[in-house]
Each structure stands twice: as structure tokens, then as C-alpha cells.
């Protein structure tokens, strides 16, 4: 016969594991809308040659048609003007933008 008794120690351990994971799932969606936009003068943006309008890029490795929207690094909801990016934690980037970390989606 299986013991269904949940000890206080086991309960607290389960809560310690489950609570942070649950809050990440809930807050990830909320955070996507609240992320500040990456400023063009941010040192990371400057280093990545980030522009909010890909067609204005003067970077040697920019190719017409490449945008954040079709980059592997972009996250969030398709169609949103600004979305989170794996390369720029805590900030959102313009879907119409481009940076030197651009990688084609498979």
C-alpha cells in the first residue's frame, strides 16, 4: 500500500521547486510587454550595430531583407512591433530592426 502522507519537509521542498517555475511562466508573458526598448546609444546596441529600421543599416554584413523579425534570436509574439531578444536581455528590440548578431531562422 502506498503512503500518500505528505510530510512538511516534502511539501516545503515541492513548493520551493514549483513556485519559482510557476512565477517564471506567468511573468514571462507579462514581462514581454513591459520591457524597455533598447536605446540606440546603449553600449550593447552600439557594439551590435543595432538599428530600429534595418533598411537604414550601413553595416558591411547587412543584407537586404534581414530584420529582427526573421532572426533566430527574436522572441515574443509575431506581429508585435517590439519584442524580446535573446542577445539583449531585459530589453525589447524593433521587429523591423537589425543587428550584427542576426541569424536566419531555420
C-alpha atoms as a PDB file:
ATOM      1  CA  UNK A   1       0.000   0.000   0.000  1.00  0.00           C
ATOM      2  CA  UNK A   2       1.324   3.403  -0.988  1.00  0.00           C
ATOM      3  CA  UNK A   3       1.662   6.071   1.675  1.00  0.00           C
ATOM      4  CA  UNK A   4       0.010   9.278   0.475  1.00  0.00           C
ATOM      5  CA  UNK A   5       1.160  11.188   3.533  1.00  0.00           C
ATOM      6  CA  UNK A   6       2.975  14.361   2.558  1.00  0.00           C
ATOM      7  CA  UNK A   7       5.487  15.388   5.173  1.00  0.00           C
ATOM      8  CA  UNK A   8       6.036  19.036   5.929  1.00  0.00           C
ATOM      9  CA  UNK A   9       9.601  18.725   4.647  1.00  0.00           C
ATOM     10  CA  UNK A  10       8.463  17.191   1.337  1.00  0.00           C
ATOM     11  CA  UNK A  11       5.726  19.845   0.981  1.00  0.00           C
ATOM     12  CA  UNK A  12       8.196  22.697   1.524  1.00  0.00           C
ATOM     13  CA  UNK A  13      10.646  21.142  -0.930  1.00  0.00           C
ATOM     14  CA  UNK A  14       7.923  20.818  -3.571  1.00  0.00           C
ATOM     15  CA  UNK A  15       6.855  24.425  -3.025  1.00  0.00           C
ATOM     16  CA  UNK A  16      10.443  25.664  -3.262  1.00  0.00           C
ATOM     17  CA  UNK A  17      10.782  23.971  -6.646  1.00  0.00           C
ATOM     18  CA  UNK A  18       7.323  24.642  -8.090  1.00  0.00           C
ATOM     19  CA  UNK A  19       6.751  28.250  -7.021  1.00  0.00           C
ATOM     20  CA  UNK A  20       9.689  29.844  -8.877  1.00  0.00           C
ATOM     21  CA  UNK A  21       8.966  27.824 -12.022  1.00  0.00           C
ATOM     22  CA  UNK A  22       5.319  28.876 -11.984  1.00  0.00           C
ATOM     23  CA  UNK A  23       6.185  32.532 -11.491  1.00  0.00           C
ATOM     24  CA  UNK A  24       8.588  32.415 -14.448  1.00  0.00           C
ATOM     25  CA  UNK A  25       5.858  31.113 -16.717  1.00  0.00           C
ATOM     26  CA  UNK A  26       3.402  33.778 -15.611  1.00  0.00           C
ATOM     27  CA  UNK A  27       5.843  36.667 -15.527  1.00  0.00           C
ATOM     28  CA  UNK A  28       7.499  35.890 -18.879  1.00  0.00           C
ATOM     29  CA  UNK A  29       4.334  36.884 -20.751  1.00  0.00           C
ATOM     30  CA  UNK A  30       3.847  39.948 -18.578  1.00  0.00           C
ATOM     31  CA  UNK A  31       7.483  40.989 -18.918  1.00  0.00           C
ATOM     32  CA  UNK A  32       7.393  40.845 -22.717  1.00  0.00           C
ATOM     33  CA  UNK A  33       5.068  43.848 -22.791  1.00  0.00           C
ATOM     34  CA  UNK A  34       6.903  45.748 -20.071  1.00  0.00           C
ATOM     35  CA  UNK A  35      10.458  45.515 -21.378  1.00  0.00           C
ATOM     36  CA  UNK A  36      12.052  48.855 -22.163  1.00  0.00           C
ATOM     37  CA  UNK A  37      13.174  49.432 -25.727  1.00  0.00           C
ATOM     38  CA  UNK A  38      16.860  49.047 -26.483  1.00  0.00           C
ATOM     39  CA  UNK A  39      18.250  52.546 -26.847  1.00  0.00           C
ATOM     40  CA  UNK A  40      20.349  53.221 -29.926  1.00  0.00           C
ATOM     41  CA  UNK A  41      23.056  54.755 -27.726  1.00  0.00           C
ATOM     42  CA  UNK A  42      23.183  51.757 -25.363  1.00  0.00           C
ATOM     43  CA  UNK A  43      26.743  50.338 -25.459  1.00  0.00           C
ATOM     44  CA  UNK A  44      25.383  46.905 -26.412  1.00  0.00           C
ATOM     45  CA  UNK A  45      23.347  48.404 -29.263  1.00  0.00           C
ATOM     46  CA  UNK A  46      26.369  50.326 -30.495  1.00  0.00           C
ATOM     47  CA  UNK A  47      28.565  47.213 -30.343  1.00  0.00           C
ATOM     48  CA  UNK A  48      25.967  45.183 -32.239  1.00  0.00           C
ATOM     49  CA  UNK A  49      25.416  47.963 -34.819  1.00  0.00           C
ATOM     50  CA  UNK A  50      21.707  47.815 -33.894  1.00  0.00           C
ATOM     51  CA  UNK A  51      19.251  49.946 -35.861  1.00  0.00           C
ATOM     52  CA  UNK A  52      15.488  50.133 -35.417  1.00  0.00           C
ATOM     53  CA  UNK A  53      14.935  50.207 -39.170  1.00  0.00           C
ATOM     54  CA  UNK A  54      17.001  47.570 -40.961  1.00  0.00           C
ATOM     55  CA  UNK A  55      16.867  49.454 -44.254  1.00  0.00           C
ATOM     56  CA  UNK A  56      18.976  52.221 -42.694  1.00  0.00           C
ATOM     57  CA  UNK A  57      21.833  49.910 -41.690  1.00  0.00           C
ATOM     58  CA  UNK A  58      25.250  50.797 -43.069  1.00  0.00           C
ATOM     59  CA  UNK A  59      26.947  47.693 -41.665  1.00  0.00           C
ATOM     60  CA  UNK A  60      29.056  45.777 -44.182  1.00  0.00           C
ATOM     61  CA  UNK A  61      27.468  42.447 -43.241  1.00  0.00           C
ATOM     62  CA  UNK A  62      23.842  43.652 -43.526  1.00  0.00           C
ATOM     63  CA  UNK A  63      21.843  42.046 -46.329  1.00  0.00           C
ATOM     64  CA  UNK A  64      18.558  43.478 -47.590  1.00  0.00           C
ATOM     65  CA  UNK A  65      15.571  41.636 -46.156  1.00  0.00           C
ATOM     66  CA  UNK A  66      17.284  40.661 -42.888  1.00  0.00           C
ATOM     67  CA  UNK A  67      15.349  42.025 -39.902  1.00  0.00           C
ATOM     68  CA  UNK A  68      14.957  41.163 -36.257  1.00  0.00           C
ATOM     69  CA  UNK A  69      11.562  39.734 -37.185  1.00  0.00           C
ATOM     70  CA  UNK A  70      13.163  36.958 -39.254  1.00  0.00           C
ATOM     71  CA  UNK A  71      16.112  36.395 -36.894  1.00  0.00           C
ATOM     72  CA  UNK A  72      16.517  33.265 -34.788  1.00  0.00           C
ATOM     73  CA  UNK A  73      17.185  35.371 -31.667  1.00  0.00           C
ATOM     74  CA  UNK A  74      13.811  37.197 -31.578  1.00  0.00           C
ATOM     75  CA  UNK A  75      11.258  36.039 -29.032  1.00  0.00           C
ATOM     76  CA  UNK A  76       7.729  37.004 -28.115  1.00  0.00           C
ATOM     77  CA  UNK A  77       4.630  37.277 -30.259  1.00  0.00           C
ATOM     78  CA  UNK A  78       4.924  37.502 -34.022  1.00  0.00           C
ATOM     79  CA  UNK A  79       3.432  40.749 -35.233  1.00  0.00           C
ATOM     80  CA  UNK A  80       4.473  42.837 -32.223  1.00  0.00           C
ATOM     81  CA  UNK A  81       6.454  45.943 -33.192  1.00  0.00           C
ATOM     82  CA  UNK A  82       8.927  45.447 -30.305  1.00  0.00           C
ATOM     83  CA  UNK A  83       9.871  42.053 -28.910  1.00  0.00           C
ATOM     84  CA  UNK A  84      12.378  40.488 -26.519  1.00  0.00           C
ATOM     85  CA  UNK A  85      15.678  39.275 -27.961  1.00  0.00           C
ATOM     86  CA  UNK A  86      17.948  36.513 -26.657  1.00  0.00           C
ATOM     87  CA  UNK A  87      21.013  38.671 -27.348  1.00  0.00           C
ATOM     88  CA  UNK A  88      19.698  41.701 -25.453  1.00  0.00           C
ATOM     89  CA  UNK A  89      18.418  40.542 -22.053  1.00  0.00           C
ATOM     90  CA  UNK A  90      15.917  42.792 -20.315  1.00  0.00           C
ATOM     91  CA  UNK A  91      15.218  44.966 -23.351  1.00  0.00           C
ATOM     92  CA  UNK A  92      12.997  44.770 -26.401  1.00  0.00           C
ATOM     93  CA  UNK A  93      14.107  45.368 -29.978  1.00  0.00           C
ATOM     94  CA  UNK A  94      12.254  46.612 -33.029  1.00  0.00           C
ATOM     95  CA  UNK A  95      10.946  43.765 -35.183  1.00  0.00           C
ATOM     96  CA  UNK A  96      11.850  45.938 -38.179  1.00  0.00           C
ATOM     97  CA  UNK A  97      15.367  46.426 -36.816  1.00  0.00           C
ATOM     98  CA  UNK A  98      18.643  44.611 -37.397  1.00  0.00           C
ATOM     99  CA  UNK A  99      21.940  43.952 -35.613  1.00  0.00           C
ATOM    100  CA  UNK A 100      25.199  42.171 -36.382  1.00  0.00           C
ATOM    101  CA  UNK A 101      24.108  39.126 -34.316  1.00  0.00           C
ATOM    102  CA  UNK A 102      21.379  38.377 -36.896  1.00  0.00           C
ATOM    103  CA  UNK A 103      20.982  34.635 -37.637  1.00  0.00           C
ATOM    104  CA  UNK A 104      18.448  33.202 -40.080  1.00  0.00           C
ATOM    105  CA  UNK A 105      15.583  31.220 -38.615  1.00  0.00           C
ATOM    106  CA  UNK A 106      15.763  27.589 -39.714  1.00  0.00           C
END
